[in-house]
């Protein structure tokens, strides 16, 4: 990001955002979230949770925006042009998403030895 590598920024932030989305969904009793090998399932389920007001709209907007940019970024299928301010905003949303994920994740019970 700081060096202006928008493509690398998009691909890396997409992966991180998708993993956070999966982390927010994983507590649902749905085996397909564990077994799926596609990015689409996570995106669809995360957007569905947004429809039910269970997820901050900024988080789904970030995932959807990165989803659209990812192919060009990862597979060099076109230029990825983002203003520095847009990258800063995307990163800020991702950092907020991480804070929410950590704050809402179930805590592990201590294990006795």
Protein backbone atom coordinates (compact mmCIF):
# COMPACT_ATOMS: atom_id res chain seq x y z
CA UNK A 1 0.00 0.00 0.00
CA UNK A 2 2.65 2.51 1.04
CA UNK A 3 4.66 1.76 -2.11
CA UNK A 4 1.63 2.08 -4.38
CA UNK A 5 1.31 -1.60 -5.28
CA UNK A 6 -2.46 -1.53 -5.61
CA UNK A 7 -2.72 -5.02 -7.10
CA UNK A 8 -0.81 -6.67 -4.28
CA UNK A 9 -2.72 -4.57 -1.78
CA UNK A 10 -6.09 -5.69 -3.21
CA UNK A 11 -5.18 -9.38 -3.37
CA UNK A 12 -3.77 -9.46 0.15
CA UNK A 13 -6.58 -7.42 1.68
CA UNK A 14 -9.16 -9.60 -0.09
CA UNK A 15 -7.64 -12.72 1.46
CA UNK A 16 -7.56 -11.14 4.92
CA UNK A 17 -11.12 -9.80 4.61
CA UNK A 18 -12.45 -13.10 3.37
CA UNK A 19 -10.81 -14.94 6.27
CA UNK A 20 -12.33 -12.47 8.73
CA UNK A 21 -15.75 -12.92 7.11
CA UNK A 22 -15.37 -16.67 7.44
CA UNK A 23 -14.34 -16.19 11.06
CA UNK A 24 -17.56 -14.27 11.69
CA UNK A 25 -19.63 -16.97 9.98
CA UNK A 26 -17.90 -20.07 11.29
CA UNK A 27 -19.95 -20.23 14.48
CA UNK A 28 -23.06 -21.01 12.49
CA UNK A 29 -24.06 -24.67 12.40
CA UNK A 30 -23.30 -25.11 8.71
CA UNK A 31 -20.72 -27.68 7.68
CA UNK A 32 -20.44 -26.19 4.17
CA UNK A 33 -18.60 -23.20 5.64
CA UNK A 34 -15.84 -25.55 6.75
CA UNK A 35 -15.77 -27.75 3.66
CA UNK A 36 -16.27 -25.25 0.84
CA UNK A 37 -13.40 -24.72 -1.55
CA UNK A 38 -14.89 -21.63 -3.20
CA UNK A 39 -14.71 -17.94 -2.38
CA UNK A 40 -18.29 -17.44 -3.56
CA UNK A 41 -19.93 -19.28 -0.65
CA UNK A 42 -18.31 -17.01 1.93
CA UNK A 43 -19.26 -13.90 -0.03
CA UNK A 44 -22.89 -15.02 -0.49
CA UNK A 45 -23.32 -16.04 3.16
CA UNK A 46 -21.67 -12.86 4.44
CA UNK A 47 -23.96 -10.73 2.28
CA UNK A 48 -26.95 -12.71 3.56
CA UNK A 49 -25.92 -11.94 7.14
CA UNK A 50 -25.78 -8.26 6.16
CA UNK A 51 -29.35 -8.51 4.83
CA UNK A 52 -30.39 -9.75 8.27
CA UNK A 53 -28.52 -6.85 9.93
CA UNK A 54 -26.05 -9.22 11.57
CA UNK A 55 -22.99 -7.71 9.88
CA UNK A 56 -21.83 -4.12 9.50
CA UNK A 57 -22.62 -2.95 5.95
CA UNK A 58 -19.13 -1.48 5.65
CA UNK A 59 -17.65 -4.96 6.04
CA UNK A 60 -19.74 -6.46 3.24
CA UNK A 61 -19.10 -3.44 1.03
CA UNK A 62 -15.36 -3.95 1.52
CA UNK A 63 -15.54 -7.66 0.70
CA UNK A 64 -17.69 -6.99 -2.37
CA UNK A 65 -15.40 -4.20 -3.62
CA UNK A 66 -12.31 -6.35 -3.19
CA UNK A 67 -14.11 -9.29 -4.85
CA UNK A 68 -14.63 -7.16 -7.96
CA UNK A 69 -11.01 -6.00 -8.04
CA UNK A 70 -9.40 -9.32 -7.14
CA UNK A 71 -9.33 -11.00 -10.55
CA UNK A 72 -7.50 -8.08 -12.14
CA UNK A 73 -5.14 -7.86 -9.17
CA UNK A 74 -4.34 -11.54 -8.70
CA UNK A 75 -4.25 -12.69 -12.31
CA UNK A 76 -2.96 -9.47 -13.86
CA UNK A 77 -6.12 -9.28 -15.95
CA UNK A 78 -6.01 -5.49 -16.02
CA UNK A 79 -4.74 -2.50 -14.13
CA UNK A 80 -5.82 -1.88 -10.59
CA UNK A 81 -5.93 1.82 -9.96
CA UNK A 82 -6.85 3.01 -6.50
CA UNK A 83 -6.21 6.38 -4.95
CA UNK A 84 -4.15 6.35 -1.78
CA UNK A 85 -7.14 7.71 0.14
CA UNK A 86 -9.30 4.81 -1.07
CA UNK A 87 -6.67 2.28 0.00
CA UNK A 88 -6.43 4.01 3.39
CA UNK A 89 -10.20 3.79 3.81
CA UNK A 90 -10.30 0.12 2.81
CA UNK A 91 -7.54 -0.67 5.28
CA UNK A 92 -9.35 1.24 8.05
CA UNK A 93 -12.54 -0.78 7.45
CA UNK A 94 -10.53 -4.01 7.51
CA UNK A 95 -8.90 -3.01 10.79
CA UNK A 96 -12.32 -2.23 12.27
CA UNK A 97 -13.59 -5.59 11.01
CA UNK A 98 -10.70 -7.31 12.74
CA UNK A 99 -11.47 -5.52 16.01
CA UNK A 100 -15.10 -6.65 15.82
CA UNK A 101 -14.07 -10.22 15.00
CA UNK A 102 -11.72 -10.37 17.99
CA UNK A 103 -14.26 -8.74 20.32
CA UNK A 104 -17.10 -11.07 19.31
CA UNK A 105 -15.19 -14.34 19.06
CA UNK A 106 -16.01 -16.89 21.74
CA UNK A 107 -13.36 -17.23 24.38
CA UNK A 108 -11.72 -20.55 25.00
CA UNK A 109 -12.22 -22.13 28.38
CA UNK A 110 -9.01 -22.68 30.31
CA UNK A 111 -7.69 -26.20 30.00
CA UNK A 112 -6.59 -27.83 33.24
CA UNK A 113 -3.33 -29.71 33.19
